[in-house]
């Protein structure tokens, strides 16, 4: 059986690794715009582009 110190070090390391993964997953959940959001400034299809 592993020592208490080794168990604690492992738990701390894994907690830090998992928190980083969770943070990155949360950040990447909405990183890409949808087509509606991406092309919203171009107006309706077949119409002239809106003036700024």
N, C-alpha and C. Protein backbone atom coordinates (compact mmCIF):
# COMPACT_ATOMS: atom_id res chain seq x y z
N UNK A 1 0.84 -1.18 0.00
CA UNK A 1 0.00 0.00 0.00
C UNK A 1 0.88 1.24 0.00
N UNK A 2 0.44 2.26 -0.74
CA UNK A 2 1.22 3.49 -0.86
C UNK A 2 1.14 4.31 0.43
N UNK A 3 2.17 5.10 0.63
CA UNK A 3 2.19 5.94 1.82
C UNK A 3 1.15 7.05 1.70
N UNK A 4 0.81 7.64 2.81
CA UNK A 4 -0.16 8.73 2.82
C UNK A 4 0.35 9.92 2.02
N UNK A 5 1.63 10.19 2.09
CA UNK A 5 2.21 11.30 1.34
C UNK A 5 2.06 11.07 -0.16
N UNK A 6 2.35 9.87 -0.60
CA UNK A 6 2.24 9.55 -2.03
C UNK A 6 0.79 9.65 -2.50
N UNK A 7 -0.14 9.18 -1.67
CA UNK A 7 -1.55 9.28 -2.01
C UNK A 7 -1.97 10.74 -2.15
N UNK A 8 -1.52 11.57 -1.20
CA UNK A 8 -1.88 12.98 -1.22
C UNK A 8 -1.31 13.68 -2.45
N UNK A 9 -0.04 13.38 -2.77
CA UNK A 9 0.59 13.98 -3.95
C UNK A 9 -0.16 13.58 -5.23
N UNK A 10 -0.54 12.34 -5.32
CA UNK A 10 -1.25 11.85 -6.50
C UNK A 10 -2.62 12.52 -6.62
N UNK A 11 -3.34 12.59 -5.50
CA UNK A 11 -4.66 13.24 -5.51
C UNK A 11 -4.55 14.70 -5.93
N UNK A 12 -3.54 15.39 -5.40
CA UNK A 12 -3.37 16.81 -5.73
C UNK A 12 -3.02 16.98 -7.21
N UNK A 13 -2.13 16.13 -7.71
CA UNK A 13 -1.74 16.22 -9.12
C UNK A 13 -2.94 15.97 -10.03
N UNK A 14 -3.72 14.94 -9.73
CA UNK A 14 -4.87 14.62 -10.57
C UNK A 14 -5.95 15.69 -10.49
N UNK A 15 -6.11 16.26 -9.30
CA UNK A 15 -7.09 17.33 -9.14
C UNK A 15 -6.72 18.53 -10.01
N UNK A 16 -5.44 18.85 -10.05
CA UNK A 16 -4.97 19.97 -10.87
C UNK A 16 -5.11 19.67 -12.36
N UNK A 17 -4.80 18.45 -12.77
CA UNK A 17 -4.93 18.07 -14.17
C UNK A 17 -6.39 18.11 -14.60
N UNK A 18 -7.26 17.56 -13.78
CA UNK A 18 -8.68 17.53 -14.12
C UNK A 18 -9.29 18.92 -14.14
N UNK A 19 -8.83 19.80 -13.26
CA UNK A 19 -9.38 21.16 -13.25
C UNK A 19 -8.97 21.90 -14.52
N UNK A 20 -7.77 21.65 -15.01
CA UNK A 20 -7.33 22.25 -16.26
C UNK A 20 -8.15 21.76 -17.44
N UNK A 21 -8.41 20.46 -17.48
CA UNK A 21 -9.22 19.90 -18.55
C UNK A 21 -10.64 20.47 -18.50
N UNK A 22 -11.20 20.58 -17.30
CA UNK A 22 -12.56 21.10 -17.15
C UNK A 22 -12.62 22.55 -17.61
N UNK A 23 -11.60 23.33 -17.27
CA UNK A 23 -11.57 24.74 -17.68
C UNK A 23 -11.48 24.85 -19.20
N UNK A 24 -10.63 24.06 -19.83
CA UNK A 24 -10.49 24.11 -21.27
C UNK A 24 -11.76 23.65 -21.98
N UNK A 25 -12.39 22.61 -21.45
CA UNK A 25 -13.65 22.14 -22.04
C UNK A 25 -14.72 23.21 -21.95
N UNK A 26 -14.77 23.90 -20.83
CA UNK A 26 -15.77 24.95 -20.64
C UNK A 26 -15.50 26.11 -21.60
N UNK A 27 -14.25 26.46 -21.78
CA UNK A 27 -13.90 27.57 -22.68
C UNK A 27 -14.19 27.22 -24.13
N UNK A 28 -14.00 25.97 -24.52
CA UNK A 28 -14.16 25.59 -25.91
C UNK A 28 -15.60 25.24 -26.26
N UNK A 29 -16.48 25.26 -25.30
CA UNK A 29 -17.86 24.85 -25.56
C UNK A 29 -18.52 25.78 -26.58
N UNK A 30 -18.20 27.07 -26.56
CA UNK A 30 -18.82 28.02 -27.48
C UNK A 30 -17.74 28.86 -28.16
N UNK A 31 -16.74 28.22 -28.72
CA UNK A 31 -15.66 28.97 -29.34
C UNK A 31 -15.95 29.32 -30.80
N UNK A 32 -16.84 28.58 -31.43
CA UNK A 32 -17.12 28.80 -32.84
C UNK A 32 -18.50 29.43 -33.00
N UNK A 33 -18.57 30.48 -33.81
CA UNK A 33 -19.85 31.13 -34.06
C UNK A 33 -20.70 30.27 -34.99
N UNK A 34 -22.02 30.35 -34.83
CA UNK A 34 -22.91 29.64 -35.74
C UNK A 34 -22.98 30.42 -37.05
N UNK A 35 -23.54 29.81 -38.07
CA UNK A 35 -23.67 30.49 -39.37
C UNK A 35 -24.51 31.75 -39.24
N UNK A 36 -25.56 31.70 -38.45
CA UNK A 36 -26.42 32.87 -38.27
C UNK A 36 -25.63 34.01 -37.63
N UNK A 37 -24.83 33.70 -36.61
CA UNK A 37 -24.04 34.73 -35.95
C UNK A 37 -22.90 35.22 -36.84
N UNK A 38 -22.30 34.31 -37.58
CA UNK A 38 -21.15 34.65 -38.41
C UNK A 38 -21.54 35.57 -39.57
N UNK A 39 -22.68 35.30 -40.20
CA UNK A 39 -23.08 36.05 -41.37
C UNK A 39 -24.23 37.03 -41.09
N UNK A 40 -24.44 37.38 -39.85
CA UNK A 40 -25.55 38.26 -39.49
C UNK A 40 -25.41 39.64 -40.11
N UNK A 41 -24.20 40.14 -40.26
CA UNK A 41 -23.98 41.47 -40.81
C UNK A 41 -24.16 41.58 -42.30
N UNK A 42 -24.36 40.47 -42.99
CA UNK A 42 -24.48 40.51 -44.44
C UNK A 42 -25.91 40.71 -44.93
N UNK A 43 -26.88 40.68 -44.04
CA UNK A 43 -28.27 40.87 -44.43
C UNK A 43 -28.87 39.60 -45.01
N UNK A 44 -30.03 39.77 -45.61
CA UNK A 44 -30.76 38.63 -46.17
C UNK A 44 -30.14 38.20 -47.50
N UNK A 45 -30.24 36.91 -47.83
CA UNK A 45 -29.73 36.45 -49.13
C UNK A 45 -30.51 37.08 -50.27
N UNK A 46 -29.81 37.49 -51.33
CA UNK A 46 -30.46 38.10 -52.49
C UNK A 46 -30.67 39.59 -52.35
N UNK A 47 -30.38 40.16 -51.20
CA UNK A 47 -30.56 41.59 -50.99
C UNK A 47 -29.19 42.26 -50.97
N UNK A 48 -29.19 43.59 -51.09
CA UNK A 48 -27.94 44.33 -51.03
C UNK A 48 -27.40 44.29 -49.60
N UNK A 49 -26.09 44.40 -49.50
CA UNK A 49 -25.45 44.42 -48.18
C UNK A 49 -25.82 45.72 -47.46
N UNK A 50 -26.20 45.63 -46.18
CA UNK A 50 -26.56 46.84 -45.44
C UNK A 50 -25.38 47.80 -45.32
N UNK A 51 -25.68 49.09 -45.38
CA UNK A 51 -24.65 50.11 -45.21
C UNK A 51 -24.27 50.19 -43.75
N UNK A 52 -23.02 50.51 -43.48
CA UNK A 52 -22.56 50.61 -42.09
C UNK A 52 -22.87 51.95 -41.50
